[in-house]
């Protein structure tokens, strides 16, 4: 009689671990998906920041070119 009770207890514990591992696995998959989404958002923002700094540098170079051209025209 005691062997049957112990066997059922062991089965319940193993089933509990199995169900917990499935639930935990789904949770891990959801976290990995969220991390990928956040990485993509971060990459898009960093690319946008690089883009804007590049635009500023380009505009500064254009301004310098126009200033030198204006100075040359003023000298003539």
N, C-alpha and C. Protein backbone atom coordinates (compact mmCIF):
# COMPACT_ATOMS: atom_id res chain seq x y z
N UNK A 1 0.82 -1.20 0.00
CA UNK A 1 0.00 0.00 0.00
C UNK A 1 0.86 1.26 0.00
N UNK A 2 1.89 1.30 0.83
CA UNK A 2 2.76 2.47 0.89
C UNK A 2 3.53 2.67 -0.41
N UNK A 3 3.85 1.60 -1.11
CA UNK A 3 4.60 1.71 -2.36
C UNK A 3 3.75 2.40 -3.41
N UNK A 4 2.46 2.08 -3.46
CA UNK A 4 1.58 2.71 -4.43
C UNK A 4 1.43 4.20 -4.15
N UNK A 5 1.32 4.59 -2.89
CA UNK A 5 1.18 6.00 -2.53
C UNK A 5 2.45 6.75 -2.90
N UNK A 6 3.59 6.18 -2.59
CA UNK A 6 4.86 6.82 -2.93
C UNK A 6 5.03 6.93 -4.44
N UNK A 7 4.61 5.90 -5.18
CA UNK A 7 4.70 5.94 -6.63
C UNK A 7 3.84 7.06 -7.19
N UNK A 8 2.61 7.20 -6.68
CA UNK A 8 1.74 8.28 -7.14
C UNK A 8 2.31 9.65 -6.77
N UNK A 9 2.90 9.77 -5.61
CA UNK A 9 3.53 11.03 -5.22
C UNK A 9 4.67 11.40 -6.17
N UNK A 10 5.48 10.41 -6.51
CA UNK A 10 6.58 10.66 -7.44
C UNK A 10 6.03 11.06 -8.81
N UNK A 11 4.97 10.40 -9.24
CA UNK A 11 4.37 10.74 -10.54
C UNK A 11 3.82 12.16 -10.52
N UNK A 12 3.17 12.57 -9.43
CA UNK A 12 2.64 13.93 -9.33
C UNK A 12 3.76 14.96 -9.36
N UNK A 13 4.83 14.70 -8.67
CA UNK A 13 5.97 15.62 -8.65
C UNK A 13 6.58 15.72 -10.04
N UNK A 14 6.76 14.60 -10.71
CA UNK A 14 7.33 14.62 -12.06
C UNK A 14 6.41 15.34 -13.04
N UNK A 15 5.11 15.10 -12.90
CA UNK A 15 4.16 15.79 -13.78
C UNK A 15 4.20 17.30 -13.52
N UNK A 16 4.34 17.68 -12.26
CA UNK A 16 4.44 19.10 -11.92
C UNK A 16 5.68 19.73 -12.52
N UNK A 17 6.81 19.03 -12.46
CA UNK A 17 8.03 19.54 -13.08
C UNK A 17 7.86 19.66 -14.60
N UNK A 18 7.20 18.68 -15.19
CA UNK A 18 6.99 18.70 -16.63
C UNK A 18 6.13 19.89 -17.05
N UNK A 19 5.03 20.10 -16.35
CA UNK A 19 4.14 21.22 -16.66
C UNK A 19 4.86 22.55 -16.41
N UNK A 20 5.61 22.63 -15.32
CA UNK A 20 6.34 23.86 -15.02
C UNK A 20 7.39 24.15 -16.09
N UNK A 21 8.06 23.11 -16.58
CA UNK A 21 9.07 23.32 -17.62
C UNK A 21 8.42 23.79 -18.93
N UNK A 22 7.24 23.29 -19.25
CA UNK A 22 6.53 23.74 -20.46
C UNK A 22 6.14 25.21 -20.31
N UNK A 23 5.57 25.57 -19.18
CA UNK A 23 5.17 26.96 -18.95
C UNK A 23 6.39 27.87 -18.98
N UNK A 24 7.45 27.48 -18.32
CA UNK A 24 8.68 28.27 -18.30
C UNK A 24 9.28 28.39 -19.70
N UNK A 25 9.20 27.32 -20.49
CA UNK A 25 9.70 27.36 -21.86
C UNK A 25 8.95 28.38 -22.70
N UNK A 26 7.62 28.43 -22.57
CA UNK A 26 6.84 29.43 -23.30
C UNK A 26 7.21 30.84 -22.85
N UNK A 27 7.44 31.01 -21.57
CA UNK A 27 7.83 32.31 -21.04
C UNK A 27 9.18 32.75 -21.61
N UNK A 28 10.13 31.82 -21.69
CA UNK A 28 11.45 32.12 -22.24
C UNK A 28 11.33 32.50 -23.71
N UNK A 29 10.51 31.77 -24.47
CA UNK A 29 10.32 32.09 -25.89
C UNK A 29 9.73 33.48 -26.06
N UNK A 30 8.78 33.84 -25.20
CA UNK A 30 8.17 35.17 -25.27
C UNK A 30 9.21 36.25 -24.96
N UNK A 31 10.06 36.02 -23.97
CA UNK A 31 11.11 36.98 -23.63
C UNK A 31 12.11 37.14 -24.77
N UNK A 32 12.47 36.04 -25.42
CA UNK A 32 13.40 36.12 -26.55
C UNK A 32 12.80 36.93 -27.68
N UNK A 33 11.50 36.74 -27.92
CA UNK A 33 10.83 37.50 -28.98
C UNK A 33 10.82 38.99 -28.63
N UNK A 34 10.52 39.31 -27.38
CA UNK A 34 10.52 40.71 -26.94
C UNK A 34 11.92 41.34 -27.06
N UNK A 35 12.95 40.57 -26.75
CA UNK A 35 14.31 41.07 -26.85
C UNK A 35 14.66 41.37 -28.31
N UNK A 36 14.26 40.49 -29.22
CA UNK A 36 14.52 40.74 -30.65
C UNK A 36 13.83 42.01 -31.11
N UNK A 37 12.59 42.21 -30.67
CA UNK A 37 11.85 43.42 -31.06
C UNK A 37 12.54 44.66 -30.53
N UNK A 38 12.98 44.62 -29.27
CA UNK A 38 13.67 45.77 -28.68
C UNK A 38 15.00 46.04 -29.38
N UNK A 39 15.72 44.99 -29.78
CA UNK A 39 16.97 45.18 -30.50
C UNK A 39 16.73 45.86 -31.84
N UNK A 40 15.67 45.44 -32.54
CA UNK A 40 15.35 46.07 -33.83
C UNK A 40 15.02 47.55 -33.64
N UNK A 41 14.23 47.86 -32.61
CA UNK A 41 13.88 49.26 -32.34
C UNK A 41 15.13 50.06 -32.03
N UNK A 42 16.03 49.51 -31.24
CA UNK A 42 17.26 50.21 -30.88
C UNK A 42 18.12 50.45 -32.12
N UNK A 43 18.22 49.43 -32.98
CA UNK A 43 19.02 49.58 -34.19
C UNK A 43 18.44 50.65 -35.10
N UNK A 44 17.11 50.69 -35.21
CA UNK A 44 16.48 51.71 -36.04
C UNK A 44 16.75 53.10 -35.48
N UNK A 45 16.68 53.25 -34.16
CA UNK A 45 16.93 54.55 -33.55
C UNK A 45 18.40 54.95 -33.72
N UNK A 46 19.31 54.00 -33.55
CA UNK A 46 20.73 54.35 -33.68
C UNK A 46 21.07 54.68 -35.12
N UNK A 47 20.46 53.98 -36.06
CA UNK A 47 20.69 54.31 -37.47
C UNK A 47 20.14 55.69 -37.78
N UNK A 48 18.98 56.01 -37.22
CA UNK A 48 18.40 57.34 -37.41
C UNK A 48 19.28 58.42 -36.81
N UNK A 49 19.88 58.15 -35.67
CA UNK A 49 20.78 59.13 -35.04
C UNK A 49 22.02 59.31 -35.88
N UNK A 50 22.56 58.22 -36.40
CA UNK A 50 23.73 58.33 -37.28
C UNK A 50 23.38 59.11 -38.54
N UNK A 51 22.19 58.86 -39.04
CA UNK A 51 21.73 59.55 -40.24
C UNK A 51 21.64 61.06 -40.00
N UNK A 52 21.08 61.45 -38.86
CA UNK A 52 20.92 62.88 -38.59
C UNK A 52 22.28 63.55 -38.37
N UNK A 53 23.21 62.89 -37.71
CA UNK A 53 24.55 63.48 -37.52
C UNK A 53 25.27 63.60 -38.86
N UNK A 54 25.06 62.62 -39.74
CA UNK A 54 25.66 62.69 -41.07
C UNK A 54 25.06 63.85 -41.87
N UNK A 55 23.77 64.06 -41.73
CA UNK A 55 23.11 65.18 -42.41
C UNK A 55 23.66 66.52 -41.92
N UNK A 56 23.86 66.62 -40.61
CA UNK A 56 24.40 67.86 -40.05
C UNK A 56 25.80 68.11 -40.60
N UNK A 57 26.64 67.10 -40.64
CA UNK A 57 28.00 67.26 -41.17
C UNK A 57 27.96 67.67 -42.65
N UNK A 58 27.06 67.06 -43.40
CA UNK A 58 26.93 67.41 -44.82
C UNK A 58 26.52 68.86 -44.98
N UNK A 59 25.55 69.29 -44.18
CA UNK A 59 25.11 70.69 -44.27
C UNK A 59 26.22 71.65 -43.86
N UNK A 60 27.00 71.29 -42.84
CA UNK A 60 28.11 72.15 -42.42
C UNK A 60 29.14 72.27 -43.53
N UNK A 61 29.43 71.17 -44.22
CA UNK A 61 30.37 71.22 -45.33
C UNK A 61 29.84 72.08 -46.46
N UNK A 62 28.54 72.00 -46.73
CA UNK A 62 27.95 72.84 -47.78
C UNK A 62 28.04 74.32 -47.41
N UNK A 63 27.80 74.62 -46.14
CA UNK A 63 27.89 76.00 -45.69
C UNK A 63 29.31 76.53 -45.85
N UNK A 64 30.30 75.71 -45.47
CA UNK A 64 31.70 76.14 -45.63
C UNK A 64 32.03 76.38 -47.09
N UNK A 65 31.56 75.52 -47.96
CA UNK A 65 31.81 75.69 -49.39
C UNK A 65 31.19 76.98 -49.90
N UNK A 66 29.95 77.23 -49.49
CA UNK A 66 29.27 78.46 -49.92
C UNK A 66 29.96 79.70 -49.36
N UNK A 67 30.45 79.62 -48.13
CA UNK A 67 31.15 80.76 -47.53
C UNK A 67 32.44 81.06 -48.30
N UNK A 68 33.18 80.03 -48.66
CA UNK A 68 34.43 80.26 -49.41
C UNK A 68 34.12 80.81 -50.80
N UNK A 69 33.06 80.31 -51.42
CA UNK A 69 32.68 80.83 -52.75
C UNK A 69 32.25 82.28 -52.65
N UNK A 70 31.53 82.62 -51.59
CA UNK A 70 31.09 84.02 -51.40
C UNK A 70 32.31 84.92 -51.16
N UNK A 71 33.27 84.47 -50.37
CA UNK A 71 34.48 85.26 -50.12
C UNK A 71 35.25 85.51 -51.42
N UNK A 72 35.35 84.49 -52.25
CA UNK A 72 36.02 84.65 -53.54
C UNK A 72 35.30 85.65 -54.43
N UNK A 73 33.99 85.61 -54.42
CA UNK A 73 33.21 86.55 -55.23
C UNK A 73 33.33 87.98 -54.68
N UNK A 74 33.43 88.11 -53.35
CA UNK A 74 33.55 89.43 -52.75
C UNK A 74 34.91 90.05 -53.08
N UNK A 75 35.95 89.24 -53.22
CA UNK A 75 37.29 89.73 -53.54
C UNK A 75 37.37 90.24 -54.97
N UNK A 76 36.60 89.71 -55.86
CA UNK A 76 36.65 90.14 -57.28
C UNK A 76 35.97 91.44 -57.42
